[in-house]
């Protein structure tokens, strides 16, 4: 029997992987998670990234997709990365390393998951003989990675929301310069949390979901988290896991999906000691780990805009696991948080999470100083999100004898203004994106209003038929 998936709020049907892939958000507003976590199979340090990916992810999809098709999809997904290692690792010094997750086509870590998810969606829809519309919110990188993976596919269209004026120029143009009939970009007059709420509102409207055939590629979709588990396992293998050496990770964190994948990797058996949640000035998660309370404040623009978030959707999965999978309790807690902007998390849940997670923050001044210092000391550039991760990694590293990997989540060229401000060096775009600033843009500016956005959804659905 194939692995089954259940909602974090406990009041939605249990589904298999194929249905979870297409459903995204559960009908009760929760997020789908596996009913059990498979153990890692035997792995070796000399395996390629693709070989590890196949071994780690197969238990999650077995029974919903045949082995031959899955092998083909995984091989194809990672063939477009610009390094044969897919996620190369470099030394920072003192046992601190960078894992470069930005070797994909849009220069950000989201490619690692979405190149796979886009192909899985297209295959599942083809098998079922139906179409779907991906509806996604982005704080900067998910949108371009999803569009790259989905543009011009025959079975799926996509509407992507980004917060107007709150993504970098490169991030925006990577989305809005794609001229494909199945893609529509909407610039929302609001912040990322507003965009995310609009997506969830549409998914929670069963009539709308059915009418346009909504599907998700945000990390509310379990397939995203599944794909991200792989590079934590790979990093541990490359830095000595076969000899039993544990590894720690520092993760620039906004929506919590990336660092959550590390937690699941640990639960599967990867020897991970510590997971560091690295926040910028929008530090709802760091404040939670310091106080045990969820408290949302207004989002403040920063040099690391992909982390300018105060409602971290994937934290719901961690709360569900920490609660002993008590869906009703999770639903009640999050209802309180949404209504008042504050909620006290039970002590036993906090204690369960504190065993693995630590959290810290770095402001814009620290970010700029870190970019400058790394360039001066090591001769290469990092971007603001990565800099937040390296600053907090040094501050919170528990054991200097355990290797620490900071996830480099984007290429410096995606945030050239901040990098140039810190170093005096403006990072160039790679050759394949050299004309990005000369291309025409295609997007529609909309208000923070679901009815206005549904007009665009329906229009694209009609066009795609």
Protein backbone atom coordinates (compact mmCIF):
# COMPACT_ATOMS: atom_id res chain seq x y z
CA UNK A 1 0.00 0.00 0.00
CA UNK A 2 1.28 3.49 -0.83
CA UNK A 3 2.20 6.00 1.86
CA UNK A 4 -0.79 8.07 2.96
CA UNK A 5 -1.00 11.75 3.88
CA UNK A 6 -3.14 13.48 6.48
CA UNK A 7 -3.99 17.10 7.29
CA UNK A 8 -2.43 19.01 10.17
CA UNK A 9 -5.93 20.08 11.23
CA UNK A 10 -7.37 16.59 11.29
CA UNK A 11 -10.61 17.17 9.41
CA UNK A 12 -9.80 16.44 5.75
CA UNK A 13 -9.65 13.19 3.76
CA UNK A 14 -6.49 11.09 3.90
CA UNK A 15 -4.89 11.05 0.44
CA UNK A 16 -2.10 9.36 -1.50
CA UNK A 17 0.80 11.26 -3.06
CA UNK A 18 -0.83 11.91 -6.43
CA UNK A 19 -3.89 13.49 -4.84
CA UNK A 20 -1.77 15.50 -2.37
CA UNK A 21 0.34 16.80 -5.26
CA UNK A 22 -2.75 18.19 -7.00
CA UNK A 23 -4.64 19.25 -3.86
CA UNK A 24 -2.03 21.42 -2.15
CA UNK A 25 -3.92 22.90 0.79
CA UNK A 26 -6.22 20.45 2.59
CA UNK A 27 -9.94 21.15 2.52
CA UNK A 28 -9.90 21.93 6.27
CA UNK A 29 -7.27 24.62 5.73
CA UNK A 30 -4.42 22.42 6.97
CA UNK A 31 -1.27 21.14 5.33
CA UNK A 32 -0.74 17.56 4.26
CA UNK A 33 1.98 15.48 5.94
CA UNK A 34 2.91 11.79 5.68
CA UNK A 35 1.17 9.57 8.19
CA UNK A 36 4.58 8.03 8.89
CA UNK A 37 8.15 8.99 8.04
CA UNK A 38 10.13 6.36 6.13
CA UNK A 39 13.67 5.56 7.22
CA UNK A 40 16.55 6.47 4.97
CA UNK A 41 17.79 3.57 2.85
CA UNK A 42 21.49 2.66 2.81
CA UNK A 43 23.42 5.51 1.16
CA UNK A 44 27.05 6.24 0.36
CA UNK A 45 29.10 9.41 -0.02
CA UNK A 46 30.02 8.56 -3.63
CA UNK A 47 26.40 8.59 -4.83
CA UNK A 48 25.40 11.38 -7.22
CA UNK A 49 22.78 13.93 -6.20
CA UNK A 50 20.24 12.27 -8.49
CA UNK A 51 20.94 8.83 -7.03
CA UNK A 52 20.41 10.13 -3.49
CA UNK A 53 17.25 11.98 -4.59
CA UNK A 54 15.74 8.83 -6.05
CA UNK A 55 16.52 6.81 -2.94
CA UNK A 56 15.24 9.42 -0.46
CA UNK A 57 12.04 10.39 -2.28
CA UNK A 58 10.88 7.04 -3.66
CA UNK A 59 9.06 5.91 -0.46
CA UNK A 60 6.96 9.11 -0.56
CA UNK A 61 5.71 8.51 -4.12
CA UNK A 62 5.73 4.71 -4.46
CA UNK A 63 2.30 3.42 -5.45
CA UNK A 64 1.31 6.74 -7.03
CA UNK A 65 3.88 6.80 -9.82
CA UNK A 66 5.76 4.01 -11.53
CA UNK A 67 9.49 3.71 -10.90
CA UNK A 68 10.55 4.22 -14.52
CA UNK A 69 8.60 7.49 -14.81
CA UNK A 70 9.96 8.78 -11.52
CA UNK A 71 13.55 8.02 -12.50
CA UNK A 72 13.05 9.89 -15.76
CA UNK A 73 11.49 12.92 -14.03
CA UNK A 74 14.23 13.16 -11.39
CA UNK A 75 17.02 12.84 -13.93
CA UNK A 76 15.44 15.49 -16.15
CA UNK A 77 14.78 17.88 -13.26
CA UNK A 78 18.42 18.11 -12.22
CA UNK A 79 19.99 18.01 -15.67
CA UNK A 80 19.43 21.78 -15.99
CA UNK A 81 21.64 22.71 -13.01
CA UNK A 82 24.92 24.44 -13.76
CA UNK A 83 27.08 22.26 -11.49
CA UNK A 84 27.31 18.45 -11.69
CA UNK A 85 27.08 18.34 -7.88
CA UNK A 86 23.73 20.21 -8.14
CA UNK A 87 24.32 21.70 -4.66
CA UNK A 88 28.12 22.22 -4.36
CA UNK A 89 29.68 22.88 -0.95
CA UNK A 90 32.56 25.26 -0.24
CA UNK A 91 34.61 25.96 2.89
CA UNK A 92 34.18 29.18 4.88
CA UNK A 93 36.71 28.23 7.58
CA UNK A 94 36.63 26.74 11.09
CA UNK A 95 34.37 23.88 10.01
CA UNK A 96 31.76 26.26 8.59
CA UNK A 97 30.60 25.54 5.02
CA UNK A 98 28.28 26.99 2.39
CA UNK A 99 25.96 24.78 0.38
CA UNK A 100 25.14 26.61 -2.85
CA UNK A 101 21.49 25.96 -3.69
CA UNK A 102 21.41 28.57 -6.47
CA UNK A 103 22.79 26.63 -9.45
CA UNK A 104 19.37 26.17 -11.07
CA UNK A 105 17.83 28.20 -13.89
CA UNK A 106 16.48 31.06 -11.70
CA UNK A 107 19.48 31.32 -9.34
CA UNK A 108 17.62 30.40 -6.13
CA UNK A 109 17.05 27.38 -3.91
CA UNK A 110 13.43 27.10 -5.01
CA UNK A 111 14.65 25.58 -8.30
CA UNK A 112 15.80 22.45 -6.47
CA UNK A 113 12.21 21.58 -5.59
CA UNK A 114 10.22 23.24 -8.35
CA UNK A 115 12.08 21.78 -11.30
CA UNK A 116 10.90 18.45 -9.91
CA UNK A 117 7.41 19.54 -8.85
CA UNK A 118 6.61 21.12 -12.22
CA UNK A 119 7.41 17.86 -13.99
CA UNK A 120 5.47 15.81 -11.44
CA UNK A 121 2.41 18.03 -11.89
CA UNK A 122 2.54 17.82 -15.67
CA UNK A 123 2.88 14.06 -15.57
CA UNK A 124 0.07 13.53 -13.03
CA UNK A 125 -2.32 15.77 -14.99
CA UNK A 126 -1.47 14.01 -18.25
CA UNK A 127 -2.18 10.62 -16.70
CA UNK A 128 -5.53 11.88 -15.39
CA UNK A 129 -6.42 13.67 -18.62
CA UNK A 130 -7.18 16.98 -16.92
CA UNK A 131 -5.74 20.46 -16.58
CA UNK A 132 -5.02 22.56 -13.49
CA UNK A 133 -4.16 26.10 -12.54
CA UNK A 134 -1.30 26.69 -10.14
CA UNK A 135 -2.06 29.63 -7.86
CA UNK A 136 0.97 30.77 -5.89
CA UNK A 137 2.26 33.61 -3.74
CA UNK A 138 5.92 34.55 -3.75
CA UNK A 139 8.18 36.64 -1.55
CA UNK A 140 10.62 36.71 -4.45
CA UNK A 141 11.98 33.34 -5.56
CA UNK A 142 9.11 30.82 -5.64
CA UNK A 143 7.39 32.75 -8.42
CA UNK A 144 10.27 32.78 -10.87
CA UNK A 145 11.17 29.15 -10.12
CA UNK A 146 7.55 28.05 -10.63
CA UNK A 147 7.20 30.03 -13.84
CA UNK A 148 10.45 28.58 -15.18
CA UNK A 149 9.21 25.07 -14.40
CA UNK A 150 5.67 25.56 -15.77
CA UNK A 151 5.91 27.99 -18.71
CA UNK A 152 4.41 26.63 -21.94
CA UNK A 153 3.37 23.30 -20.40
CA UNK A 154 0.18 22.03 -21.96
CA UNK A 155 -1.67 20.68 -18.91
CA UNK A 156 -1.05 23.42 -16.36
CA UNK A 157 -1.31 27.22 -16.20
CA UNK A 158 -0.13 29.49 -13.39
CA UNK A 159 -1.15 32.73 -11.69
CA UNK A 160 1.59 34.12 -9.44
CA UNK A 161 1.11 36.89 -6.86
CA UNK A 162 4.05 39.02 -5.75
CA UNK A 163 3.97 42.02 -3.37
CA UNK A 164 4.27 45.21 -5.41
CA UNK A 165 7.61 46.93 -4.85
CA UNK A 166 8.78 44.37 -2.27
CA UNK A 167 10.90 42.04 -4.37
CA UNK A 168 14.22 42.87 -5.99
CA UNK A 169 14.31 44.15 -9.55
CA UNK A 170 15.94 40.92 -10.75
CA UNK A 171 13.42 38.77 -8.88
CA UNK A 172 10.52 40.66 -10.43
CA UNK A 173 11.89 40.60 -13.95
CA UNK A 174 12.60 36.88 -13.78
CA UNK A 175 8.84 36.48 -13.40
CA UNK A 176 7.38 39.29 -15.45
CA UNK A 177 9.54 39.00 -18.57
CA UNK A 178 8.32 35.46 -19.29
CA UNK A 179 5.91 35.72 -22.21
CA UNK A 180 3.99 32.46 -22.08
CA UNK A 181 0.26 31.99 -22.73
CA UNK A 182 -0.23 29.86 -19.61
CA UNK A 183 1.42 32.31 -17.17
CA UNK A 184 0.00 35.44 -15.51
CA UNK A 185 1.80 37.66 -12.98
CA UNK A 186 -0.15 39.82 -10.55
CA UNK A 187 1.53 42.56 -8.50
CA UNK A 188 -0.48 42.93 -5.28
CA UNK A 189 -0.63 46.23 -3.42
CA UNK A 190 0.37 44.66 -0.10
CA UNK A 191 3.05 42.47 1.47
CA UNK A 192 3.85 38.78 1.09
CA UNK A 193 1.60 37.76 3.98
CA UNK A 194 -1.29 39.44 2.13
CA UNK A 195 -0.44 37.46 -1.01
CA UNK A 196 -0.24 34.23 0.96
CA UNK A 197 -3.60 34.90 2.62
CA UNK A 198 -5.22 35.48 -0.79
CA UNK A 199 -3.94 32.14 -2.05
CA UNK A 200 -5.21 30.34 1.05
CA UNK A 201 -8.59 32.07 0.78
CA UNK A 202 -8.99 30.86 -2.80
CA UNK A 203 -8.06 27.29 -1.84
CA UNK A 204 -10.49 27.40 1.08
CA UNK A 205 -13.34 28.31 -1.31
CA UNK A 206 -14.40 24.91 -2.62
CA UNK A 207 -16.42 26.44 -5.46
CA UNK A 208 -13.46 28.46 -6.74
CA UNK A 209 -11.07 25.54 -6.29
CA UNK A 210 -13.30 23.30 -8.37
CA UNK A 211 -14.18 25.94 -10.98
CA UNK A 212 -10.61 26.69 -12.07
CA UNK A 213 -8.91 23.49 -10.91
CA UNK A 214 -6.51 25.04 -8.40
CA UNK A 215 -3.15 23.43 -7.63
CA UNK A 216 -0.29 24.65 -5.44
CA UNK A 217 3.47 24.87 -5.78
CA UNK A 218 4.09 26.95 -2.67
CA UNK A 219 5.57 24.96 0.18
CA UNK A 220 2.03 24.30 1.38
CA UNK A 221 2.42 21.45 -1.17
CA UNK A 222 4.15 18.48 0.47
CA UNK A 223 6.07 17.71 -2.74
CA UNK A 224 8.11 20.90 -2.23
CA UNK A 225 9.20 19.84 1.26
CA UNK A 226 9.90 16.29 0.07
CA UNK A 227 12.30 17.52 -2.60
CA UNK A 228 14.13 19.77 -0.14
CA UNK A 229 14.81 16.90 2.28
CA UNK A 230 17.28 15.55 -0.27
CA UNK A 231 19.95 18.22 0.00
CA UNK A 232 20.13 17.90 3.78
CA UNK A 233 20.85 14.21 3.32
CA UNK A 234 23.39 14.99 0.60
CA UNK A 235 25.16 17.56 2.77
CA UNK A 236 25.40 15.12 5.64
CA UNK A 237 26.80 12.43 3.35
CA UNK A 238 29.43 14.73 1.89
CA UNK A 239 30.65 15.90 5.30
CA UNK A 240 31.04 12.54 6.95
CA UNK A 241 27.67 11.03 7.77
CA UNK A 242 28.83 7.60 6.57
CA UNK A 243 31.27 7.59 9.50
CA UNK A 244 28.59 8.72 11.93
CA UNK A 245 29.69 12.38 12.00
CA UNK A 246 26.69 14.62 12.67
CA UNK A 247 26.21 17.88 10.75
CA UNK A 248 24.39 21.09 11.69
CA UNK A 249 22.64 23.54 9.36
CA UNK A 250 21.88 27.24 9.42
CA UNK A 251 18.93 28.18 7.23
CA UNK A 252 17.82 31.68 6.17
CA UNK A 253 14.16 31.36 7.04
CA UNK A 254 10.91 33.10 6.18
CA UNK A 255 8.12 30.64 5.53
CA UNK A 256 9.81 27.78 7.44
CA UNK A 257 9.52 25.22 4.62
CA UNK A 258 13.25 24.99 3.95
CA UNK A 259 14.37 24.42 7.53
CA UNK A 260 11.39 22.11 8.12
CA UNK A 261 12.76 19.82 5.41
CA UNK A 262 15.93 19.52 7.49
CA UNK A 263 13.85 18.44 10.47
CA UNK A 264 12.18 15.75 8.39
CA UNK A 265 15.58 14.62 7.11
CA UNK A 266 16.67 14.18 10.72
CA UNK A 267 13.52 12.21 11.51
CA UNK A 268 14.29 9.92 8.58
CA UNK A 269 17.70 9.17 10.09
CA UNK A 270 20.09 11.81 8.74
CA UNK A 271 22.65 12.57 11.49
CA UNK A 272 21.70 16.22 11.96
CA UNK A 273 22.61 17.79 15.30
CA UNK A 274 21.29 21.35 15.15
CA UNK A 275 19.01 23.36 12.87
CA UNK A 276 19.49 27.11 13.14
CA UNK A 277 16.56 29.30 12.10
CA UNK A 278 18.09 32.54 10.80
CA UNK A 279 15.72 35.53 10.59
CA UNK A 280 16.09 39.12 9.47
CA UNK A 281 14.33 41.99 11.26
CA UNK A 282 10.98 40.30 10.51
CA UNK A 283 11.69 37.80 13.23
CA UNK A 284 8.41 36.14 14.22
CA UNK A 285 10.11 32.73 14.35
CA UNK A 286 13.10 33.88 16.38
CA UNK A 287 10.75 35.60 18.84
CA UNK A 288 8.76 32.37 19.09
CA UNK A 289 11.82 30.29 19.95
CA UNK A 290 12.85 32.91 22.54
CA UNK A 291 9.45 33.33 24.20
CA UNK A 292 7.24 30.35 23.31
CA UNK A 293 4.64 32.75 21.93
CA UNK A 294 3.56 33.43 18.36
CA UNK A 295 3.26 37.18 17.92
CA UNK A 296 2.84 38.86 14.53
CA UNK A 297 3.91 42.43 13.89
CA UNK A 298 3.87 44.54 10.74
CA UNK A 299 6.27 43.43 8.02
CA UNK A 300 9.17 45.83 7.55
CA UNK A 301 11.05 45.87 4.21
CA UNK A 302 14.65 44.65 4.47
CA UNK A 303 17.69 43.84 2.34
CA UNK A 304 16.60 40.18 2.40
CA UNK A 305 13.04 40.52 1.03
CA UNK A 306 12.33 36.81 0.60
CA UNK A 307 12.30 36.63 4.42
CA UNK A 308 10.00 39.61 4.94
CA UNK A 309 7.25 37.42 6.39
CA UNK A 310 5.38 37.38 9.71
CA UNK A 311 3.06 34.39 9.15
CA UNK A 312 5.19 31.33 8.38
CA UNK A 313 2.83 28.80 6.84
CA UNK A 314 5.03 25.74 7.22
CA UNK A 315 5.48 26.25 10.93
CA UNK A 316 2.05 24.62 11.17
CA UNK A 317 3.61 21.29 10.19
CA UNK A 318 6.20 21.59 12.96
CA UNK A 319 3.51 22.49 15.52
CA UNK A 320 1.44 19.49 14.43
CA UNK A 321 4.37 17.13 14.89
CA UNK A 322 5.32 18.70 18.23
CA UNK A 323 1.73 18.42 19.49
CA UNK A 324 1.71 14.68 18.96
CA UNK A 325 -0.27 15.22 15.75
CA UNK A 326 -3.25 16.76 17.51
CA UNK A 327 -5.06 18.36 14.58
CA UNK A 328 -7.84 19.91 16.66
CA UNK A 329 -5.36 21.57 19.01
CA UNK A 330 -3.32 22.94 16.11
CA UNK A 331 -6.44 24.29 14.41
CA UNK A 332 -7.54 26.03 17.64
CA UNK A 333 -4.11 27.56 18.21
CA UNK A 334 -3.83 28.92 14.67
CA UNK A 335 -7.39 30.25 14.73
CA UNK A 336 -6.46 32.20 17.86
CA UNK A 337 -3.25 33.47 16.24
CA UNK A 338 -5.08 34.63 13.13
CA UNK A 339 -7.80 36.35 15.12
CA UNK A 340 -5.59 38.21 17.61
CA UNK A 341 -2.08 38.16 16.15
CA UNK A 342 -0.84 36.30 19.21
CA UNK A 343 -1.01 32.79 20.68
CA UNK A 344 0.77 30.96 23.49
CA UNK A 345 2.15 27.60 22.35
CA UNK A 346 1.94 24.77 24.92
CA UNK A 347 5.21 24.20 26.79
CA UNK A 348 5.44 20.55 25.77
CA UNK A 349 5.34 21.56 22.09
CA UNK A 350 8.03 24.17 22.64
CA UNK A 351 10.23 21.64 24.42
CA UNK A 352 9.90 19.15 21.54
CA UNK A 353 11.01 21.75 19.00
CA UNK A 354 13.81 23.20 21.14
CA UNK A 355 15.63 19.84 21.07
CA UNK A 356 16.71 20.54 17.49
CA UNK A 357 15.98 24.17 16.61
CA UNK A 358 17.80 27.32 17.65
CA UNK A 359 16.89 30.75 16.28
CA UNK A 360 18.57 34.11 15.86
CA UNK A 361 18.42 37.28 13.81
CA UNK A 362 20.62 39.64 11.84
CA UNK A 363 19.61 43.16 10.87
CA UNK A 364 20.51 45.01 7.67
CA UNK A 365 23.70 46.53 9.08
CA UNK A 366 24.97 43.11 10.16
CA UNK A 367 23.99 41.73 6.77
CA UNK A 368 26.00 44.31 4.87
CA UNK A 369 29.01 43.87 7.15
CA UNK A 370 28.92 40.09 6.64
CA UNK A 371 28.78 40.40 2.85
CA UNK A 372 31.75 42.79 3.00
CA UNK A 373 33.75 40.61 5.40
CA UNK A 374 33.26 37.40 3.40
CA UNK A 375 34.33 39.15 0.20
CA UNK A 376 37.35 40.71 1.88
CA UNK A 377 38.47 37.49 3.59
CA UNK A 378 37.62 34.84 1.00
CA UNK A 379 37.31 36.71 -2.29
CA UNK A 380 33.78 35.74 -3.27
CA UNK A 381 30.33 37.28 -2.95
CA UNK A 382 27.30 36.19 -0.96
CA UNK A 383 23.84 37.75 -1.04
CA UNK A 384 21.78 39.13 1.87
CA UNK A 385 19.74 36.04 2.81
CA UNK A 386 22.85 33.88 2.88
CA UNK A 387 24.64 36.53 4.96
CA UNK A 388 21.86 36.39 7.56
CA UNK A 389 22.41 32.63 7.70
CA UNK A 390 26.19 32.85 8.21
CA UNK A 391 25.93 35.55 10.88
CA UNK A 392 23.43 33.57 12.94
CA UNK A 393 25.31 30.30 12.39
CA UNK A 394 28.41 31.71 14.07
CA UNK A 395 26.42 33.17 16.95
CA UNK A 396 24.42 30.04 17.75
CA UNK A 397 26.68 27.13 16.81
CA UNK A 398 26.50 24.74 19.75
CA UNK A 399 29.55 22.55 19.09
CA UNK A 400 32.57 23.76 17.06
CA UNK A 401 33.63 20.15 16.46
CA UNK A 402 30.45 19.48 14.44
CA UNK A 403 30.51 20.77 10.85
CA UNK A 404 28.07 23.61 10.21
CA UNK A 405 26.51 24.14 6.77
CA UNK A 406 24.81 27.43 5.96
CA UNK A 407 22.43 27.17 3.05
CA UNK A 408 23.23 29.76 0.37
CA UNK A 409 19.72 30.31 -0.89
CA UNK A 410 20.27 32.66 -3.84
CA UNK A 411 22.94 33.97 -6.17
CA UNK A 412 24.44 37.41 -5.45
CA UNK A 413 23.27 38.61 -8.89
CA UNK A 414 19.65 38.47 -7.67
CA UNK A 415 20.39 41.24 -5.14
CA UNK A 416 23.04 43.37 -6.85
CA UNK A 417 22.20 46.65 -5.08
CA UNK A 418 22.81 45.25 -1.59
CA UNK A 419 25.94 43.38 -2.64
CA UNK A 420 27.37 46.45 -4.35
CA UNK A 421 26.55 48.61 -1.33
CA UNK A 422 28.49 46.22 0.90
CA UNK A 423 31.50 45.51 -1.33
CA UNK A 424 31.64 48.07 -4.14
CA UNK A 425 31.33 45.14 -6.57
CA UNK A 426 28.16 44.70 -8.63
CA UNK A 427 27.62 41.00 -9.33
CA UNK A 428 26.78 40.37 -12.99
CA UNK A 429 23.94 38.19 -14.19
CA UNK A 430 25.02 34.98 -15.89
CA UNK A 431 25.14 35.03 -19.68
CA UNK A 432 21.79 33.33 -20.14
CA UNK A 433 20.12 36.20 -18.22
CA UNK A 434 22.27 39.04 -19.56
CA UNK A 435 19.35 40.61 -21.47
CA UNK A 436 16.92 40.40 -18.54
CA UNK A 437 16.72 44.18 -18.05
CA UNK A 438 16.02 44.77 -21.75
CA UNK A 439 13.04 42.42 -22.00
CA UNK A 440 9.45 43.72 -21.84
CA UNK A 441 7.48 42.98 -18.68
CA UNK A 442 4.03 41.41 -18.48
CA UNK A 443 2.07 41.80 -15.25
CA UNK A 444 -1.17 43.25 -13.87
CA UNK A 445 -1.25 45.45 -10.76
CA UNK A 446 -4.12 44.50 -8.44
CA UNK A 447 -5.41 45.42 -5.01
CA UNK A 448 -5.32 43.22 -1.94
CA UNK A 449 -8.76 41.94 -2.89
CA UNK A 450 -9.73 38.35 -3.65
CA UNK A 451 -12.63 39.26 -5.94
CA UNK A 452 -10.32 41.34 -8.13
CA UNK A 453 -7.85 38.48 -8.32
CA UNK A 454 -10.53 35.90 -9.09
CA UNK A 455 -11.33 37.88 -12.23
CA UNK A 456 -7.76 37.24 -13.39
CA UNK A 457 -7.89 33.57 -12.42
CA UNK A 458 -11.10 33.01 -14.36
CA UNK A 459 -9.85 34.94 -17.36
CA UNK A 460 -6.70 32.83 -17.61
CA UNK A 461 -8.77 29.66 -17.12
CA UNK A 462 -11.03 30.68 -20.02
CA UNK A 463 -8.00 31.52 -22.16
CA UNK A 464 -6.37 28.16 -21.44
CA UNK A 465 -9.43 26.17 -22.51
